[in-house]
Amino acid sequence: MNDQTTDVRNFILQKIRAAAEVKAIAVDDIGDDFDFFESEIFDSLGLVGLLTQIEGELGASIDFSELDPEEFTTLGGLTRITEAAMKS
């Protein structure tokens, strides 16, 4: 994992920390395959809120039309999408 990937991943983990704690999920235990919907940390509106924060705070412009919606639901997928959007 390179520095930018680590930074993006940590940013996302910071943003989901409160929601994870409500569900008694330790952020340190969250892996790349962690699914936000299956864990019930977020519903669709919660995920939209997270994406809005990512775009606003990291300056990532995510083009949703070319991406698989299921990729947004995991930590690893969202990290990859965000990192790619930051490079473009």
N, C-alpha and C. Protein backbone atom coordinates (compact mmCIF):
# COMPACT_ATOMS: atom_id res chain seq x y z
N MET A 1 0.85 -1.17 0.00
CA MET A 1 0.00 0.00 0.00
C MET A 1 0.90 1.24 0.00
N ASN A 2 0.68 2.15 -0.97
CA ASN A 2 1.51 3.35 -1.01
C ASN A 2 0.96 4.41 -0.05
N ASP A 3 1.70 5.51 0.08
CA ASP A 3 1.32 6.55 1.05
C ASP A 3 -0.05 7.15 0.75
N GLN A 4 -0.34 7.42 -0.53
CA GLN A 4 -1.63 8.02 -0.86
C GLN A 4 -2.78 7.06 -0.55
N THR A 5 -2.59 5.79 -0.86
CA THR A 5 -3.62 4.79 -0.55
C THR A 5 -3.87 4.75 0.95
N THR A 6 -2.80 4.74 1.72
CA THR A 6 -2.92 4.73 3.18
C THR A 6 -3.64 5.98 3.67
N ASP A 7 -3.29 7.13 3.11
CA ASP A 7 -3.92 8.39 3.53
C ASP A 7 -5.42 8.39 3.21
N VAL A 8 -5.78 7.93 2.02
CA VAL A 8 -7.19 7.88 1.63
C VAL A 8 -7.95 6.90 2.52
N ARG A 9 -7.36 5.74 2.74
CA ARG A 9 -8.00 4.72 3.59
C ARG A 9 -8.21 5.26 5.00
N ASN A 10 -7.20 5.91 5.55
CA ASN A 10 -7.31 6.46 6.90
C ASN A 10 -8.35 7.58 6.96
N PHE A 11 -8.44 8.39 5.90
CA PHE A 11 -9.46 9.44 5.84
C PHE A 11 -10.86 8.82 5.91
N ILE A 12 -11.08 7.79 5.11
CA ILE A 12 -12.39 7.13 5.10
C ILE A 12 -12.68 6.51 6.46
N LEU A 13 -11.69 5.85 7.05
CA LEU A 13 -11.89 5.25 8.37
C LEU A 13 -12.23 6.31 9.42
N GLN A 14 -11.58 7.45 9.33
CA GLN A 14 -11.87 8.55 10.25
C GLN A 14 -13.32 8.99 10.11
N LYS A 15 -13.80 9.05 8.87
CA LYS A 15 -15.16 9.51 8.61
C LYS A 15 -16.22 8.50 9.04
N ILE A 16 -15.88 7.21 9.05
CA ILE A 16 -16.88 6.20 9.44
C ILE A 16 -16.76 5.78 10.90
N ARG A 17 -15.78 6.32 11.60
CA ARG A 17 -15.51 5.89 12.98
C ARG A 17 -16.75 5.95 13.87
N ALA A 18 -17.45 7.06 13.88
CA ALA A 18 -18.62 7.21 14.77
C ALA A 18 -19.71 6.20 14.44
N ALA A 19 -19.97 6.01 13.14
CA ALA A 19 -21.00 5.05 12.73
C ALA A 19 -20.59 3.62 13.10
N ALA A 20 -19.30 3.32 12.98
CA ALA A 20 -18.81 1.99 13.34
C ALA A 20 -18.95 1.76 14.85
N GLU A 21 -18.62 2.77 15.63
CA GLU A 21 -18.71 2.62 17.08
C GLU A 21 -20.14 2.38 17.54
N VAL A 22 -21.11 3.00 16.88
CA VAL A 22 -22.52 2.78 17.21
C VAL A 22 -22.88 1.31 17.03
N LYS A 23 -22.29 0.66 16.03
CA LYS A 23 -22.54 -0.75 15.75
C LYS A 23 -21.56 -1.67 16.49
N ALA A 24 -20.75 -1.09 17.39
CA ALA A 24 -19.75 -1.84 18.17
C ALA A 24 -18.72 -2.52 17.27
N ILE A 25 -18.33 -1.82 16.21
CA ILE A 25 -17.31 -2.32 15.29
C ILE A 25 -16.05 -1.49 15.50
N ALA A 26 -14.95 -2.16 15.83
CA ALA A 26 -13.68 -1.47 16.01
C ALA A 26 -13.09 -1.11 14.65
N VAL A 27 -12.77 0.16 14.46
CA VAL A 27 -12.22 0.62 13.18
C VAL A 27 -10.93 -0.14 12.84
N ASP A 28 -10.15 -0.48 13.84
CA ASP A 28 -8.89 -1.20 13.60
C ASP A 28 -9.13 -2.59 13.02
N ASP A 29 -10.34 -3.12 13.18
CA ASP A 29 -10.66 -4.46 12.67
C ASP A 29 -11.26 -4.43 11.27
N ILE A 30 -11.44 -3.25 10.70
CA ILE A 30 -12.08 -3.12 9.39
C ILE A 30 -11.05 -3.35 8.29
N GLY A 31 -11.32 -4.35 7.45
CA GLY A 31 -10.44 -4.68 6.33
C GLY A 31 -10.99 -4.13 5.03
N ASP A 32 -10.24 -4.32 3.96
CA ASP A 32 -10.63 -3.79 2.65
C ASP A 32 -11.94 -4.39 2.14
N ASP A 33 -12.28 -5.59 2.57
CA ASP A 33 -13.52 -6.22 2.09
C ASP A 33 -14.73 -5.86 2.96
N PHE A 34 -14.54 -4.98 3.93
CA PHE A 34 -15.62 -4.55 4.82
C PHE A 34 -16.69 -3.84 4.00
N ASP A 35 -17.94 -4.30 4.11
CA ASP A 35 -19.05 -3.75 3.34
C ASP A 35 -19.88 -2.83 4.22
N PHE A 36 -20.02 -1.58 3.80
CA PHE A 36 -20.75 -0.59 4.59
C PHE A 36 -22.23 -0.93 4.74
N PHE A 37 -22.84 -1.51 3.70
CA PHE A 37 -24.26 -1.85 3.75
C PHE A 37 -24.51 -3.12 4.56
N GLU A 38 -23.72 -4.17 4.31
CA GLU A 38 -23.92 -5.43 5.04
C GLU A 38 -23.71 -5.25 6.54
N SER A 39 -22.79 -4.38 6.91
CA SER A 39 -22.53 -4.13 8.33
C SER A 39 -23.55 -3.18 8.94
N GLU A 40 -24.36 -2.59 8.07
CA GLU A 40 -25.38 -1.62 8.46
C GLU A 40 -24.80 -0.35 9.07
N ILE A 41 -23.56 -0.04 8.72
CA ILE A 41 -22.97 1.23 9.13
C ILE A 41 -23.65 2.37 8.38
N PHE A 42 -23.91 2.14 7.09
CA PHE A 42 -24.56 3.15 6.27
C PHE A 42 -25.72 2.56 5.48
N ASP A 43 -26.70 3.41 5.23
CA ASP A 43 -27.70 3.11 4.21
C ASP A 43 -27.29 3.94 2.99
N SER A 44 -28.11 3.98 1.97
CA SER A 44 -27.71 4.68 0.75
C SER A 44 -27.49 6.17 0.99
N LEU A 45 -28.31 6.79 1.83
CA LEU A 45 -28.12 8.21 2.11
C LEU A 45 -26.84 8.47 2.90
N GLY A 46 -26.52 7.58 3.81
CA GLY A 46 -25.28 7.71 4.56
C GLY A 46 -24.06 7.60 3.66
N LEU A 47 -24.13 6.70 2.69
CA LEU A 47 -23.02 6.54 1.75
C LEU A 47 -22.88 7.78 0.87
N VAL A 48 -24.01 8.35 0.45
CA VAL A 48 -23.96 9.58 -0.35
C VAL A 48 -23.30 10.70 0.47
N GLY A 49 -23.63 10.77 1.75
CA GLY A 49 -23.00 11.76 2.62
C GLY A 49 -21.50 11.57 2.71
N LEU A 50 -21.07 10.32 2.83
CA LEU A 50 -19.63 10.02 2.88
C LEU A 50 -18.96 10.41 1.57
N LEU A 51 -19.58 10.08 0.45
CA LEU A 51 -19.02 10.44 -0.85
C LEU A 51 -18.91 11.95 -1.02
N THR A 52 -19.89 12.67 -0.52
CA THR A 52 -19.86 14.13 -0.58
C THR A 52 -18.69 14.68 0.23
N GLN A 53 -18.45 14.10 1.40
CA GLN A 53 -17.32 14.52 2.22
C GLN A 53 -16.00 14.21 1.52
N ILE A 54 -15.91 13.05 0.91
CA ILE A 54 -14.68 12.67 0.20
C ILE A 54 -14.40 13.66 -0.92
N GLU A 55 -15.42 13.95 -1.72
CA GLU A 55 -15.22 14.87 -2.83
C GLU A 55 -14.87 16.27 -2.33
N GLY A 56 -15.55 16.73 -1.30
CA GLY A 56 -15.32 18.08 -0.80
C GLY A 56 -13.99 18.26 -0.10
N GLU A 57 -13.63 17.31 0.74
CA GLU A 57 -12.43 17.47 1.56
C GLU A 57 -11.15 16.98 0.89
N LEU A 58 -11.27 16.02 -0.01
CA LEU A 58 -10.07 15.51 -0.68
C LEU A 58 -9.93 16.05 -2.10
N GLY A 59 -10.95 16.75 -2.57
CA GLY A 59 -10.89 17.30 -3.92
C GLY A 59 -10.98 16.25 -5.00
N ALA A 60 -11.55 15.11 -4.67
CA ALA A 60 -11.69 14.02 -5.63
C ALA A 60 -13.01 14.19 -6.38
N SER A 61 -12.94 14.21 -7.69
CA SER A 61 -14.15 14.31 -8.51
C SER A 61 -14.46 12.92 -9.05
N ILE A 62 -15.41 12.25 -8.43
CA ILE A 62 -15.72 10.86 -8.77
C ILE A 62 -16.78 10.83 -9.86
N ASP A 63 -16.46 10.14 -10.97
CA ASP A 63 -17.41 9.98 -12.07
C ASP A 63 -18.16 8.68 -11.86
N PHE A 64 -19.35 8.78 -11.33
CA PHE A 64 -20.14 7.60 -10.97
C PHE A 64 -20.65 6.83 -12.18
N SER A 65 -20.75 7.47 -13.32
CA SER A 65 -21.35 6.82 -14.50
C SER A 65 -20.50 5.68 -15.04
N GLU A 66 -19.22 5.68 -14.76
CA GLU A 66 -18.33 4.66 -15.32
C GLU A 66 -17.92 3.60 -14.30
N LEU A 67 -18.53 3.61 -13.13
CA LEU A 67 -18.10 2.71 -12.07
C LEU A 67 -19.20 1.75 -11.66
N ASP A 68 -18.79 0.60 -11.16
CA ASP A 68 -19.72 -0.40 -10.63
C ASP A 68 -20.20 0.06 -9.26
N PRO A 69 -21.49 0.27 -9.08
CA PRO A 69 -22.01 0.76 -7.79
C PRO A 69 -21.62 -0.12 -6.60
N GLU A 70 -21.46 -1.41 -6.83
CA GLU A 70 -21.10 -2.30 -5.72
C GLU A 70 -19.70 -2.02 -5.19
N GLU A 71 -18.86 -1.43 -6.01
CA GLU A 71 -17.49 -1.15 -5.57
C GLU A 71 -17.46 -0.05 -4.51
N PHE A 72 -18.48 0.79 -4.48
CA PHE A 72 -18.55 1.86 -3.50
C PHE A 72 -18.85 1.34 -2.10
N THR A 73 -19.36 0.14 -2.00
CA THR A 73 -19.86 -0.34 -0.71
C THR A 73 -18.79 -0.97 0.16
N THR A 74 -17.57 -1.17 -0.36
CA THR A 74 -16.51 -1.74 0.47
C THR A 74 -15.42 -0.70 0.70
N LEU A 75 -14.71 -0.85 1.79
CA LEU A 75 -13.63 0.07 2.11
C LEU A 75 -12.56 0.05 1.03
N GLY A 76 -12.16 -1.14 0.60
CA GLY A 76 -11.12 -1.25 -0.43
C GLY A 76 -11.55 -0.63 -1.75
N GLY A 77 -12.79 -0.90 -2.15
CA GLY A 77 -13.30 -0.36 -3.40
C GLY A 77 -13.39 1.15 -3.36
N LEU A 78 -13.92 1.68 -2.27
CA LEU A 78 -14.05 3.13 -2.14
C LEU A 78 -12.69 3.80 -2.07
N THR A 79 -11.73 3.15 -1.44
CA THR A 79 -10.37 3.68 -1.39
C THR A 79 -9.78 3.76 -2.79
N ARG A 80 -9.92 2.69 -3.58
CA ARG A 80 -9.38 2.68 -4.95
C ARG A 80 -10.05 3.74 -5.82
N ILE A 81 -11.38 3.84 -5.73
CA ILE A 81 -12.12 4.82 -6.52
C ILE A 81 -11.68 6.24 -6.16
N THR A 82 -11.55 6.51 -4.88
CA THR A 82 -11.16 7.84 -4.43
C THR A 82 -9.75 8.17 -4.88
N GLU A 83 -8.84 7.23 -4.72
CA GLU A 83 -7.45 7.48 -5.12
C GLU A 83 -7.36 7.74 -6.62
N ALA A 84 -8.08 6.97 -7.42
CA ALA A 84 -8.08 7.17 -8.87
C ALA A 84 -8.67 8.54 -9.23
N ALA A 85 -9.72 8.94 -8.54
CA ALA A 85 -10.36 10.24 -8.81
C ALA A 85 -9.43 11.40 -8.44
N MET A 86 -8.61 11.21 -7.44
CA MET A 86 -7.67 12.26 -7.04
C MET A 86 -6.56 12.43 -8.07
N LYS A 87 -6.26 11.38 -8.81
CA LYS A 87 -5.19 11.43 -9.81
C LYS A 87 -5.66 12.02 -11.13
N SER A 88 -6.98 12.01 -11.35
CA SER A 88 -7.47 12.48 -12.65
C SER A 88 -7.85 13.95 -12.61
